[in-house]
N, C-alpha and C. Protein backbone atom coordinates (compact mmCIF):
# COMPACT_ATOMS: atom_id res chain seq x y z
N MET A 1 -20.24 -23.81 -61.75
CA MET A 1 -20.11 -22.60 -62.38
C MET A 1 -19.83 -22.60 -63.74
N GLU A 2 -20.45 -22.14 -64.62
CA GLU A 2 -20.10 -22.11 -66.26
C GLU A 2 -19.20 -21.02 -66.52
N ASP A 3 -18.21 -21.19 -67.13
CA ASP A 3 -17.28 -20.04 -67.75
C ASP A 3 -17.55 -19.79 -69.05
N VAL A 4 -18.56 -18.76 -69.29
CA VAL A 4 -18.91 -18.72 -70.56
C VAL A 4 -17.96 -18.48 -71.73
N ASP A 5 -16.99 -17.99 -71.49
CA ASP A 5 -16.00 -17.55 -72.65
C ASP A 5 -15.32 -18.75 -73.22
N HIS A 6 -15.34 -19.97 -72.25
CA HIS A 6 -14.55 -21.00 -72.64
C HIS A 6 -15.41 -22.26 -72.62
N SER A 7 -16.69 -22.13 -72.50
CA SER A 7 -17.53 -23.15 -72.26
C SER A 7 -16.88 -24.19 -71.25
N LYS A 8 -16.44 -23.97 -70.19
CA LYS A 8 -15.92 -24.78 -69.28
C LYS A 8 -16.77 -24.56 -67.93
N PHE A 9 -16.71 -25.81 -67.30
CA PHE A 9 -17.43 -25.86 -66.01
C PHE A 9 -16.34 -26.04 -64.87
N ARG A 10 -16.86 -25.62 -63.56
CA ARG A 10 -16.20 -26.09 -62.30
C ARG A 10 -17.07 -25.90 -61.16
N ILE A 11 -16.45 -26.32 -60.08
CA ILE A 11 -17.34 -26.28 -58.81
C ILE A 11 -16.40 -25.05 -57.90
N GLU A 12 -17.29 -24.31 -57.32
CA GLU A 12 -16.77 -23.45 -56.31
C GLU A 12 -17.30 -23.84 -54.96
N VAL A 13 -16.42 -23.86 -53.59
CA VAL A 13 -16.89 -24.08 -52.52
C VAL A 13 -16.72 -22.85 -51.73
N ARG A 14 -17.87 -22.22 -51.21
CA ARG A 14 -17.87 -21.04 -50.42
C ARG A 14 -18.40 -21.30 -48.81
N ASP A 15 -17.76 -20.47 -48.16
CA ASP A 15 -18.55 -20.66 -46.29
C ASP A 15 -19.38 -20.02 -46.33
N LYS A 16 -20.36 -20.14 -45.15
CA LYS A 16 -21.52 -19.51 -44.75
C LYS A 16 -21.39 -17.97 -45.01
N LEU A 17 -20.52 -17.30 -45.08
CA LEU A 17 -20.39 -15.77 -45.18
C LEU A 17 -20.03 -15.46 -46.83
N ASN A 18 -20.13 -16.55 -47.59
CA ASN A 18 -20.03 -16.45 -49.01
C ASN A 18 -18.45 -16.08 -49.55
N ASN A 19 -17.54 -16.62 -48.52
CA ASN A 19 -16.00 -16.38 -48.97
C ASN A 19 -15.80 -17.45 -49.75
N LEU A 20 -15.08 -17.20 -50.79
CA LEU A 20 -14.62 -18.32 -51.81
C LEU A 20 -13.47 -19.35 -51.00
N VAL A 21 -13.59 -20.41 -50.75
CA VAL A 21 -12.66 -21.10 -50.05
C VAL A 21 -11.88 -22.20 -50.90
N ALA A 22 -12.34 -22.65 -52.12
CA ALA A 22 -11.66 -23.56 -52.99
C ALA A 22 -12.40 -23.32 -54.36
N ILE A 23 -11.58 -23.57 -55.35
CA ILE A 23 -12.21 -23.78 -56.59
C ILE A 23 -11.54 -25.02 -57.34
N GLY A 24 -12.60 -25.89 -58.07
CA GLY A 24 -12.28 -26.81 -58.81
C GLY A 24 -11.52 -26.43 -60.04
N GLU A 25 -11.12 -27.72 -60.72
CA GLU A 25 -10.43 -27.71 -62.03
C GLU A 25 -11.60 -27.37 -63.29
N LYS A 26 -11.33 -26.40 -64.09
CA LYS A 26 -12.11 -26.31 -65.22
C LYS A 26 -12.08 -27.79 -66.08
N GLY A 27 -13.31 -28.04 -66.56
CA GLY A 27 -13.62 -29.31 -67.25
C GLY A 27 -15.04 -29.33 -68.12
N THR A 28 -15.48 -30.28 -68.25
CA THR A 28 -16.76 -30.46 -68.81
C THR A 28 -17.87 -30.28 -67.80
N GLU A 29 -19.18 -30.33 -68.29
CA GLU A 29 -20.17 -29.98 -67.30
C GLU A 29 -20.24 -31.35 -66.57
N GLN A 30 -20.05 -32.54 -67.13
CA GLN A 30 -20.18 -33.63 -66.54
C GLN A 30 -19.10 -33.90 -65.36
N THR A 31 -17.72 -33.48 -65.85
CA THR A 31 -16.68 -33.48 -64.91
C THR A 31 -17.08 -32.69 -63.54
N ALA A 32 -17.65 -31.22 -63.72
CA ALA A 32 -17.79 -30.50 -62.62
C ALA A 32 -18.90 -31.48 -61.55
N LYS A 33 -19.83 -32.08 -62.28
CA LYS A 33 -20.91 -32.89 -61.67
C LYS A 33 -20.32 -33.90 -60.87
N ASP A 34 -19.51 -34.66 -61.37
CA ASP A 34 -18.70 -35.59 -60.71
C ASP A 34 -17.67 -35.08 -59.55
N ASP A 35 -17.34 -33.81 -59.74
CA ASP A 35 -16.34 -33.26 -58.71
C ASP A 35 -17.14 -32.98 -57.38
N LYS A 36 -18.56 -32.53 -57.69
CA LYS A 36 -19.41 -32.01 -56.74
C LYS A 36 -19.70 -33.29 -56.11
N ALA A 37 -20.22 -34.45 -56.81
CA ALA A 37 -20.74 -35.48 -56.00
C ALA A 37 -19.78 -36.08 -55.07
N ARG A 38 -18.48 -35.93 -55.74
CA ARG A 38 -17.14 -36.51 -54.83
C ARG A 38 -17.02 -35.88 -53.45
N LEU A 39 -17.31 -34.60 -53.78
CA LEU A 39 -16.84 -33.74 -52.69
C LEU A 39 -18.27 -33.91 -51.57
N GLU A 40 -19.34 -34.07 -51.97
CA GLU A 40 -20.41 -34.13 -51.10
C GLU A 40 -20.25 -35.54 -50.42
N PHE A 41 -19.91 -36.59 -51.13
CA PHE A 41 -19.73 -37.92 -50.62
C PHE A 41 -18.46 -38.09 -49.51
N LEU A 42 -17.53 -37.15 -49.89
CA LEU A 42 -16.58 -36.88 -48.68
C LEU A 42 -16.72 -36.27 -47.61
N LEU A 43 -17.92 -35.16 -47.48
CA LEU A 43 -18.02 -34.32 -46.43
C LEU A 43 -19.06 -35.19 -45.68
N ASN A 44 -19.99 -35.89 -46.36
CA ASN A 44 -20.94 -36.77 -45.71
C ASN A 44 -20.62 -38.03 -45.11
N ASN A 45 -19.31 -38.51 -45.49
CA ASN A 45 -18.65 -39.61 -44.77
C ASN A 45 -17.46 -39.38 -44.15
N THR A 46 -17.02 -38.34 -43.72
CA THR A 46 -15.94 -37.95 -42.79
C THR A 46 -16.25 -37.90 -41.62
N ALA A 47 -15.64 -38.34 -40.67
CA ALA A 47 -16.00 -38.21 -39.15
C ALA A 47 -15.35 -36.58 -38.92
N ASP A 48 -16.36 -35.91 -38.19
CA ASP A 48 -15.67 -34.58 -37.77
C ASP A 48 -15.61 -34.69 -36.21
N GLU A 49 -15.64 -35.86 -35.71
CA GLU A 49 -15.08 -36.02 -34.32
C GLU A 49 -13.72 -36.88 -34.35
N GLY A 50 -13.00 -36.08 -33.48
CA GLY A 50 -11.60 -36.99 -33.04
C GLY A 50 -10.94 -36.23 -31.79
N MET A 51 -9.69 -36.74 -31.76
CA MET A 51 -9.12 -36.49 -30.35
C MET A 51 -7.59 -36.43 -30.34
N LEU A 52 -6.85 -35.51 -30.32
CA LEU A 52 -5.34 -35.46 -29.90
C LEU A 52 -5.18 -35.59 -28.56
N LEU A 53 -4.21 -36.41 -28.07
CA LEU A 53 -3.85 -36.49 -26.79
C LEU A 53 -2.15 -36.52 -26.69
N ILE A 54 -1.85 -35.51 -26.18
CA ILE A 54 -0.28 -35.03 -26.37
C ILE A 54 0.50 -35.06 -24.75
N GLU A 55 1.24 -36.07 -24.46
CA GLU A 55 1.83 -35.82 -23.25
C GLU A 55 3.41 -35.03 -23.50
N HIS A 56 3.33 -33.77 -22.54
CA HIS A 56 4.16 -32.70 -22.78
C HIS A 56 5.75 -33.26 -22.76
N LEU A 57 5.90 -34.22 -21.81
CA LEU A 57 7.43 -34.65 -21.71
C LEU A 57 7.73 -35.23 -22.97
N LEU A 58 7.16 -35.85 -23.92
CA LEU A 58 7.55 -36.26 -24.82
C LEU A 58 8.13 -35.48 -25.94
N LEU A 59 7.54 -34.20 -25.63
CA LEU A 59 8.06 -32.98 -26.44
C LEU A 59 9.30 -32.16 -26.14
N PHE A 60 10.07 -32.75 -25.07
CA PHE A 60 11.33 -32.18 -24.52
C PHE A 60 12.22 -32.16 -25.58
N ASN A 61 12.93 -31.04 -26.10
CA ASN A 61 13.97 -31.15 -26.82
C ASN A 61 15.05 -31.24 -26.48
N LYS A 62 15.81 -32.41 -26.71
CA LYS A 62 17.35 -32.83 -26.37
C LYS A 62 18.34 -31.80 -26.92
N LEU A 63 17.84 -31.04 -27.89
CA LEU A 63 18.58 -29.98 -28.52
C LEU A 63 18.84 -28.99 -27.60
N ASN A 64 17.98 -28.92 -26.53
CA ASN A 64 18.14 -27.56 -25.58
C ASN A 64 17.71 -26.31 -26.49
N LYS A 65 16.75 -26.44 -27.46
CA LYS A 65 16.27 -25.18 -28.02
C LYS A 65 14.75 -25.57 -28.41
N ASP A 66 13.93 -24.41 -28.42
CA ASP A 66 12.46 -24.39 -29.11
C ASP A 66 11.95 -25.43 -27.91
N PHE A 67 11.77 -24.65 -27.02
CA PHE A 67 10.77 -25.21 -25.79
C PHE A 67 9.34 -24.91 -25.91
N LEU A 68 8.61 -25.72 -24.95
CA LEU A 68 7.44 -25.05 -24.97
C LEU A 68 7.21 -23.80 -24.27
N PRO A 69 6.24 -23.08 -24.68
CA PRO A 69 6.38 -21.61 -23.71
C PRO A 69 5.88 -21.83 -22.42
N ILE A 70 6.47 -20.68 -21.79
CA ILE A 70 6.24 -20.71 -20.32
C ILE A 70 5.65 -19.35 -19.98
N CYS A 71 5.09 -18.93 -18.83
CA CYS A 71 4.65 -17.74 -18.52
C CYS A 71 5.83 -17.10 -17.69
N VAL A 72 6.34 -15.74 -18.45
CA VAL A 72 7.32 -15.28 -17.88
C VAL A 72 7.07 -13.89 -17.49
N ASP A 73 6.99 -13.63 -16.09
CA ASP A 73 6.65 -12.49 -15.47
C ASP A 73 7.66 -11.40 -15.43
N PRO A 74 7.37 -10.11 -16.05
CA PRO A 74 8.43 -9.05 -15.91
C PRO A 74 8.55 -8.51 -14.62
N ALA A 75 7.48 -9.01 -13.79
CA ALA A 75 8.02 -8.60 -12.23
C ALA A 75 8.95 -9.35 -11.51
N CYS A 76 9.18 -10.53 -12.14
CA CYS A 76 9.89 -11.66 -11.55
C CYS A 76 9.36 -12.30 -10.36
N SER A 77 8.15 -12.27 -10.42
CA SER A 77 7.24 -13.04 -9.16
C SER A 77 6.94 -14.22 -9.83
N GLU A 78 6.40 -15.25 -9.09
CA GLU A 78 6.25 -16.69 -9.20
C GLU A 78 5.20 -16.84 -10.46
N CYS A 79 5.28 -17.76 -11.24
CA CYS A 79 4.38 -17.89 -12.32
C CYS A 79 3.72 -19.56 -12.08
N THR A 80 2.79 -19.84 -12.59
CA THR A 80 2.15 -21.18 -12.32
C THR A 80 2.60 -22.23 -13.32
N ASP A 81 3.17 -21.53 -14.57
CA ASP A 81 3.79 -22.28 -15.60
C ASP A 81 5.17 -22.19 -15.77
N THR A 82 5.87 -22.60 -14.66
CA THR A 82 7.43 -22.52 -14.75
C THR A 82 7.76 -23.92 -15.47
N ASP A 83 7.17 -24.77 -15.25
CA ASP A 83 7.58 -26.01 -15.99
C ASP A 83 6.36 -26.61 -16.68
N PRO A 84 6.58 -26.47 -18.24
CA PRO A 84 5.21 -26.79 -18.93
C PRO A 84 5.54 -28.40 -19.31
N TYR A 85 6.31 -29.19 -18.89
CA TYR A 85 6.73 -30.41 -19.37
C TYR A 85 6.24 -31.60 -18.39
N SER A 86 6.34 -31.30 -17.15
CA SER A 86 6.17 -32.49 -15.99
C SER A 86 4.85 -32.75 -15.65
N PHE A 87 4.27 -33.74 -15.82
CA PHE A 87 2.89 -33.98 -15.47
C PHE A 87 1.90 -33.27 -16.33
N ARG A 88 2.32 -32.95 -17.73
CA ARG A 88 1.37 -32.32 -18.30
C ARG A 88 0.86 -32.78 -19.45
N VAL A 89 -0.42 -32.82 -19.97
CA VAL A 89 -1.18 -33.35 -21.02
C VAL A 89 -1.99 -32.42 -21.65
N SER A 90 -1.98 -32.45 -23.14
CA SER A 90 -2.83 -31.53 -23.62
C SER A 90 -3.76 -32.61 -24.49
N ILE A 91 -5.02 -32.25 -24.36
CA ILE A 91 -5.92 -32.91 -25.30
C ILE A 91 -6.75 -31.88 -26.22
N VAL A 92 -6.73 -32.08 -27.68
CA VAL A 92 -7.32 -31.23 -28.38
C VAL A 92 -8.24 -31.84 -29.33
N MET A 93 -9.60 -31.10 -29.31
CA MET A 93 -10.73 -31.68 -29.84
C MET A 93 -11.29 -30.73 -30.96
N PRO A 94 -12.07 -31.13 -31.77
CA PRO A 94 -12.72 -30.12 -32.92
C PRO A 94 -13.70 -29.29 -32.19
N GLY A 95 -13.84 -28.07 -32.07
CA GLY A 95 -14.68 -27.03 -31.23
C GLY A 95 -16.09 -27.02 -32.46
N TYR A 96 -15.87 -27.34 -33.72
CA TYR A 96 -16.81 -27.31 -34.84
C TYR A 96 -17.54 -28.43 -34.94
N ALA A 97 -17.35 -29.53 -34.22
CA ALA A 97 -18.20 -30.74 -34.45
C ALA A 97 -19.65 -30.26 -33.69
N ASN A 98 -20.53 -30.98 -34.39
CA ASN A 98 -22.17 -30.84 -34.21
C ASN A 98 -22.38 -30.88 -32.46
N ARG A 99 -22.02 -32.12 -31.96
CA ARG A 99 -22.28 -32.24 -30.57
C ARG A 99 -21.33 -31.40 -29.82
N PHE A 100 -20.24 -30.93 -30.15
CA PHE A 100 -19.36 -29.91 -29.36
C PHE A 100 -19.72 -28.54 -29.38
N LEU A 101 -20.72 -28.13 -30.36
CA LEU A 101 -21.30 -27.07 -30.22
C LEU A 101 -22.35 -26.76 -29.21
N ASP A 102 -22.79 -27.70 -28.42
CA ASP A 102 -23.72 -27.75 -27.42
C ASP A 102 -22.52 -27.78 -25.79
N MET A 103 -22.72 -26.47 -25.40
CA MET A 103 -21.95 -26.36 -24.29
C MET A 103 -22.10 -27.17 -23.25
N GLU A 104 -23.48 -27.61 -22.75
CA GLU A 104 -23.60 -28.47 -21.91
C GLU A 104 -22.74 -29.86 -22.13
N PHE A 105 -22.93 -30.30 -23.16
CA PHE A 105 -22.19 -31.64 -23.88
C PHE A 105 -20.69 -31.47 -23.87
N ARG A 106 -20.38 -30.22 -23.93
CA ARG A 106 -18.68 -30.09 -23.91
C ARG A 106 -18.42 -29.97 -22.51
N ASN A 107 -19.06 -29.41 -21.64
CA ASN A 107 -18.78 -29.66 -20.26
C ASN A 107 -18.75 -30.80 -19.60
N TYR A 108 -19.79 -31.65 -20.15
CA TYR A 108 -19.56 -33.04 -19.76
C TYR A 108 -18.51 -34.13 -20.24
N VAL A 109 -18.00 -33.60 -21.35
CA VAL A 109 -16.96 -34.27 -22.00
C VAL A 109 -15.55 -33.98 -21.19
N GLU A 110 -15.42 -32.60 -20.80
CA GLU A 110 -14.30 -32.10 -20.20
C GLU A 110 -14.41 -32.80 -18.67
N ARG A 111 -15.70 -32.92 -18.04
CA ARG A 111 -15.75 -33.29 -16.60
C ARG A 111 -15.52 -34.89 -16.89
N VAL A 112 -15.84 -35.62 -17.75
CA VAL A 112 -15.38 -37.04 -17.60
C VAL A 112 -14.06 -37.06 -18.05
N MET A 113 -13.36 -36.49 -18.85
CA MET A 113 -11.81 -36.62 -19.09
C MET A 113 -11.16 -36.32 -17.85
N ARG A 114 -11.57 -35.22 -17.04
CA ARG A 114 -10.77 -34.83 -16.03
C ARG A 114 -10.85 -35.73 -15.03
N ASP A 115 -12.19 -36.36 -14.74
CA ASP A 115 -12.35 -37.48 -13.65
C ASP A 115 -11.46 -38.64 -14.04
N GLU A 116 -11.36 -38.93 -15.22
CA GLU A 116 -10.67 -40.39 -15.50
C GLU A 116 -9.18 -40.41 -15.66
N MET A 117 -8.72 -39.06 -15.81
CA MET A 117 -7.21 -38.72 -16.01
C MET A 117 -6.41 -39.12 -14.70
N PRO A 118 -5.43 -39.71 -14.75
CA PRO A 118 -4.59 -40.06 -13.39
C PRO A 118 -4.51 -38.65 -12.60
N ALA A 119 -4.57 -38.77 -11.44
CA ALA A 119 -4.78 -37.71 -10.57
C ALA A 119 -3.44 -36.77 -10.65
N HIS A 120 -2.24 -37.49 -10.90
CA HIS A 120 -1.17 -36.75 -10.82
C HIS A 120 -0.92 -35.87 -12.37
N LEU A 121 -1.81 -36.02 -12.99
CA LEU A 121 -1.52 -35.27 -14.35
C LEU A 121 -2.39 -33.98 -14.43
N LEU A 122 -2.02 -32.97 -14.98
CA LEU A 122 -2.88 -31.59 -15.10
C LEU A 122 -3.10 -31.79 -16.66
N VAL A 123 -4.37 -31.64 -17.06
CA VAL A 123 -4.83 -31.63 -18.43
C VAL A 123 -5.19 -30.35 -18.89
N LYS A 124 -4.84 -29.81 -20.17
CA LYS A 124 -5.27 -28.98 -20.78
C LYS A 124 -6.22 -29.20 -21.95
N ILE A 125 -7.51 -28.82 -21.97
CA ILE A 125 -8.37 -29.50 -22.70
C ILE A 125 -8.55 -28.00 -23.66
N CYS A 126 -8.40 -28.24 -25.17
CA CYS A 126 -8.69 -27.28 -25.99
C CYS A 126 -9.73 -27.74 -26.98
N TRP A 127 -10.47 -26.73 -27.62
CA TRP A 127 -11.34 -26.97 -28.53
C TRP A 127 -11.24 -26.21 -29.78
N ALA A 128 -10.56 -26.76 -30.80
CA ALA A 128 -9.88 -26.02 -31.82
C ALA A 128 -10.79 -25.71 -32.99
N ASP A 129 -10.55 -24.69 -33.80
CA ASP A 129 -11.28 -24.67 -35.04
C ASP A 129 -10.69 -25.42 -35.94
N ASN A 130 -11.08 -25.54 -37.30
CA ASN A 130 -10.62 -26.25 -38.40
C ASN A 130 -9.66 -26.09 -38.91
N GLU A 131 -9.08 -24.62 -38.93
CA GLU A 131 -7.98 -24.62 -39.64
C GLU A 131 -6.77 -24.70 -38.61
N LYS A 132 -6.87 -24.54 -37.42
CA LYS A 132 -5.78 -24.70 -36.26
C LYS A 132 -5.59 -25.97 -36.37
N LEU A 133 -6.90 -26.96 -35.97
CA LEU A 133 -6.76 -28.43 -35.89
C LEU A 133 -6.13 -29.03 -37.07
N HIS A 134 -6.24 -28.64 -38.11
CA HIS A 134 -5.37 -29.15 -39.64
C HIS A 134 -4.22 -29.18 -39.26
N GLU A 135 -3.61 -27.90 -38.89
CA GLU A 135 -2.30 -27.47 -38.87
C GLU A 135 -1.63 -28.43 -37.88
N LEU A 136 -2.20 -28.55 -36.69
CA LEU A 136 -1.63 -29.23 -35.71
C LEU A 136 -1.71 -30.79 -36.14
N GLU A 137 -2.72 -31.28 -36.88
CA GLU A 137 -2.86 -32.85 -37.07
C GLU A 137 -1.41 -33.06 -38.06
N GLU A 138 -1.42 -32.28 -39.09
CA GLU A 138 -0.34 -32.28 -40.03
C GLU A 138 1.20 -32.33 -39.10
N ALA A 139 1.30 -31.40 -38.34
CA ALA A 139 2.57 -31.44 -37.52
C ALA A 139 2.60 -32.69 -36.66
N TYR A 140 1.66 -33.11 -35.98
CA TYR A 140 1.52 -34.48 -35.16
C TYR A 140 1.69 -35.46 -36.08
N ARG A 141 1.44 -35.73 -37.49
CA ARG A 141 1.47 -36.88 -38.21
C ARG A 141 3.29 -36.90 -38.22
N ASP A 142 3.66 -35.81 -38.81
CA ASP A 142 5.13 -35.69 -38.93
C ASP A 142 6.05 -36.03 -37.60
N TRP A 143 5.49 -35.69 -36.65
CA TRP A 143 6.31 -35.97 -35.39
C TRP A 143 6.24 -37.25 -34.94
N LEU A 144 5.10 -38.01 -35.15
CA LEU A 144 4.72 -39.66 -34.85
C LEU A 144 5.67 -40.46 -35.72
N ASP A 145 5.97 -40.03 -37.04
CA ASP A 145 7.06 -40.61 -37.76
C ASP A 145 8.21 -40.55 -37.27
N VAL A 146 8.53 -39.22 -36.57
CA VAL A 146 10.05 -39.07 -36.04
C VAL A 146 10.09 -40.01 -34.95
N ARG A 147 9.13 -40.10 -34.03
CA ARG A 147 9.27 -40.98 -32.94
C ARG A 147 9.23 -42.43 -33.31
N ALA A 148 8.75 -42.71 -34.66
CA ALA A 148 8.60 -44.15 -35.20
C ALA A 148 9.91 -44.30 -35.91
N ASP A 149 10.99 -43.45 -35.97
CA ASP A 149 12.36 -43.56 -36.55
C ASP A 149 11.97 -43.76 -38.06
N ARG A 150 10.80 -43.26 -38.64
CA ARG A 150 10.51 -43.52 -39.99
C ARG A 150 11.20 -41.92 -40.76
N LYS A 151 11.15 -41.09 -39.81
CA LYS A 151 12.05 -39.66 -40.31
C LYS A 151 13.05 -39.40 -39.56
N ASP A 152 13.92 -38.41 -40.04
CA ASP A 152 14.90 -37.84 -39.31
C ASP A 152 14.51 -36.69 -38.97
N ASP A 153 14.97 -36.00 -37.75
CA ASP A 153 14.73 -34.43 -37.26
C ASP A 153 15.79 -33.97 -36.64
N HIS A 154 17.09 -34.47 -37.08
CA HIS A 154 18.30 -34.07 -36.31
C HIS A 154 18.19 -32.34 -36.02
N ASP A 155 17.57 -31.64 -36.66
CA ASP A 155 17.80 -30.16 -36.62
C ASP A 155 16.39 -29.67 -35.60
N GLY A 156 15.76 -30.63 -35.49
CA GLY A 156 14.39 -30.07 -34.50
C GLY A 156 13.35 -29.44 -35.17
N ILE A 157 13.36 -29.25 -36.60
CA ILE A 157 12.44 -28.51 -37.44
C ILE A 157 10.83 -29.22 -37.27
N ILE A 158 10.78 -30.44 -37.20
CA ILE A 158 9.51 -31.07 -37.30
C ILE A 158 9.04 -30.93 -35.59
N LEU A 159 9.70 -31.00 -34.73
CA LEU A 159 9.39 -30.94 -33.27
C LEU A 159 8.94 -29.35 -33.27
N LYS A 160 9.70 -28.57 -33.55
CA LYS A 160 9.31 -27.07 -33.43
C LYS A 160 8.04 -26.68 -34.13
N ARG A 161 7.65 -27.13 -35.38
CA ARG A 161 6.46 -27.07 -35.91
C ARG A 161 5.26 -27.58 -35.23
N LEU A 162 5.61 -28.83 -34.36
CA LEU A 162 4.56 -29.03 -33.35
C LEU A 162 4.42 -28.10 -32.33
N ILE A 163 5.33 -28.03 -31.90
CA ILE A 163 5.39 -27.01 -30.63
C ILE A 163 4.73 -25.72 -30.99
N ASP A 164 5.00 -25.08 -32.01
CA ASP A 164 4.23 -23.73 -32.38
C ASP A 164 2.74 -23.88 -32.80
N ALA A 165 2.55 -25.11 -33.47
CA ALA A 165 1.32 -25.47 -33.60
C ALA A 165 0.11 -25.55 -32.41
N MET A 166 0.91 -26.29 -31.22
CA MET A 166 0.39 -26.30 -30.15
C MET A 166 0.17 -24.90 -29.40
N ALA A 167 1.14 -24.12 -29.44
CA ALA A 167 0.91 -22.90 -28.78
C ALA A 167 -0.09 -21.89 -29.64
N GLU A 168 -0.27 -22.08 -30.83
CA GLU A 168 -1.29 -21.39 -31.40
C GLU A 168 -2.79 -21.78 -31.29
N ILE A 169 -2.82 -22.87 -30.78
CA ILE A 169 -4.36 -23.52 -30.44
C ILE A 169 -5.08 -22.66 -29.47
N LYS A 170 -6.14 -22.29 -29.74
CA LYS A 170 -7.01 -21.37 -28.73
C LYS A 170 -8.48 -22.01 -28.65
N SER A 171 -9.25 -22.29 -27.79
CA SER A 171 -10.48 -22.75 -27.57
C SER A 171 -11.70 -21.79 -28.63
N VAL A 172 -12.40 -22.27 -29.18
CA VAL A 172 -13.26 -21.74 -30.03
C VAL A 172 -14.83 -21.98 -29.44
N TYR A 173 -15.68 -21.15 -29.53
CA TYR A 173 -16.92 -21.26 -28.94
C TYR A 173 -17.90 -20.92 -30.13
N PRO A 174 -19.22 -21.53 -29.73
CA PRO A 174 -20.30 -21.30 -30.75
C PRO A 174 -20.48 -19.98 -30.96
N GLU A 175 -20.72 -19.55 -32.13
CA GLU A 175 -21.24 -18.26 -32.57
C GLU A 175 -22.54 -17.84 -31.75
N SER A 176 -22.68 -16.41 -31.38
CA SER A 176 -23.86 -16.09 -31.03
C SER A 176 -23.92 -14.48 -31.28
N HIS A 177 -25.16 -13.93 -30.89
CA HIS A 177 -24.93 -12.41 -31.17
C HIS A 177 -25.92 -11.95 -30.10
N LEU A 178 -25.92 -10.58 -30.02
CA LEU A 178 -26.77 -9.75 -28.86
C LEU A 178 -28.08 -9.59 -29.38
N GLN A 179 -29.00 -9.65 -28.65
CA GLN A 179 -30.34 -9.64 -29.00
C GLN A 179 -31.07 -8.53 -28.06
N THR A 180 -32.12 -7.83 -28.92
CA THR A 180 -32.83 -6.81 -28.27
C THR A 180 -34.03 -7.28 -27.76
N CYS A 181 -34.68 -6.71 -26.82
CA CYS A 181 -35.91 -7.09 -26.00
C CYS A 181 -36.91 -7.14 -27.06
N SER A 182 -36.92 -6.51 -28.28
CA SER A 182 -38.06 -6.30 -29.22
C SER A 182 -37.82 -7.51 -30.05
N GLU A 183 -36.92 -8.26 -30.33
CA GLU A 183 -36.88 -9.47 -31.19
C GLU A 183 -37.86 -10.70 -30.92
N GLU A 184 -38.59 -11.01 -31.54
CA GLU A 184 -39.53 -12.02 -31.65
C GLU A 184 -38.93 -13.36 -31.79
N GLU A 185 -37.89 -13.38 -32.13
CA GLU A 185 -37.27 -14.96 -32.01
C GLU A 185 -37.02 -15.62 -30.57
N GLN A 186 -37.10 -16.64 -30.53
CA GLN A 186 -36.58 -17.20 -29.08
C GLN A 186 -35.54 -16.81 -28.44
N ARG A 187 -35.50 -16.15 -27.27
CA ARG A 187 -34.32 -15.71 -26.73
C ARG A 187 -33.51 -16.47 -26.44
N GLN A 188 -32.09 -16.37 -26.60
CA GLN A 188 -30.84 -17.12 -26.38
C GLN A 188 -29.94 -16.63 -25.54
N LEU A 189 -29.39 -17.13 -24.43
CA LEU A 189 -28.47 -16.49 -23.50
C LEU A 189 -27.04 -16.32 -24.37
N PHE A 190 -26.51 -15.41 -23.85
CA PHE A 190 -25.25 -15.15 -24.65
C PHE A 190 -24.36 -15.08 -23.19
N LEU A 191 -23.58 -16.18 -23.02
CA LEU A 191 -22.57 -16.31 -21.81
C LEU A 191 -21.24 -15.94 -22.29
N LEU A 192 -20.59 -15.16 -21.21
CA LEU A 192 -19.15 -14.89 -21.46
C LEU A 192 -18.26 -16.08 -21.41
N ASN A 193 -17.30 -16.20 -22.04
CA ASN A 193 -16.36 -17.34 -22.04
C ASN A 193 -16.93 -18.78 -22.53
N LYS A 194 -18.32 -18.69 -23.20
CA LYS A 194 -19.09 -19.62 -23.40
C LYS A 194 -19.39 -19.54 -25.06
N ASN A 195 -19.51 -18.21 -25.39
CA ASN A 195 -19.94 -17.93 -26.90
C ASN A 195 -18.77 -16.87 -27.65
N SER A 196 -18.92 -17.09 -28.60
CA SER A 196 -18.06 -15.97 -29.24
C SER A 196 -19.14 -14.91 -30.18
N LEU A 197 -18.63 -13.82 -30.07
CA LEU A 197 -19.58 -12.65 -30.88
C LEU A 197 -19.43 -12.42 -32.29
N GLY A 198 -20.11 -12.95 -33.04
CA GLY A 198 -20.08 -12.87 -34.47
C GLY A 198 -18.92 -13.75 -35.21
N THR A 199 -18.33 -13.39 -36.13
CA THR A 199 -17.54 -14.43 -36.96
C THR A 199 -16.10 -13.90 -37.03
N GLN A 200 -15.70 -12.55 -36.71
CA GLN A 200 -14.56 -12.09 -36.97
C GLN A 200 -13.26 -12.72 -35.88
N LYS A 201 -12.37 -13.30 -36.68
CA LYS A 201 -11.28 -14.20 -36.00
C LYS A 201 -10.46 -12.94 -35.16
N SER A 202 -10.09 -13.76 -34.22
CA SER A 202 -9.17 -12.62 -33.08
C SER A 202 -7.74 -12.78 -33.57
N SER A 203 -6.90 -11.99 -33.45
CA SER A 203 -5.66 -12.20 -33.69
C SER A 203 -4.74 -12.91 -32.80
């Protein structure tokens, strides 16, 4: 994109809704082309599949604060999530990866993971969006440094950041839309709990 007033060039990155995501630094036309080429190279050569496996017991805070969230029933009846630590494992995967947009393949992945997991462990599988997964990865990386004694976390801030990031992870589903009987395009099923309606983020 050219800045007419100053004869400067820059690149702009927009999402599929044309929302501005990032802006490159202003420079010459060649600099903008180089930035564009580098961005395309990174996007084309970056793996969009990965996995975070976190054993909950390792997240127990010895400072007796900032615990994993539990189910608290106002009626004081029994909840199933009274102990979020014992025999619990979370697996977080990118819900936006191409193969994982196929719900049949996603179901297959979940089935294999549960079949291969030791029988005494309860596994929670989440399919995260790019934003939440990035936040979790940053917090997870710092927490690994703490576990390896490369960083100090005497006040528990790093652990709290990881716990908060895990609590905010919600599974995302491929986008779809409702169709009318008169639409000529190939009909696609809209399945509850398998598709998201539109692009608006839930709070």
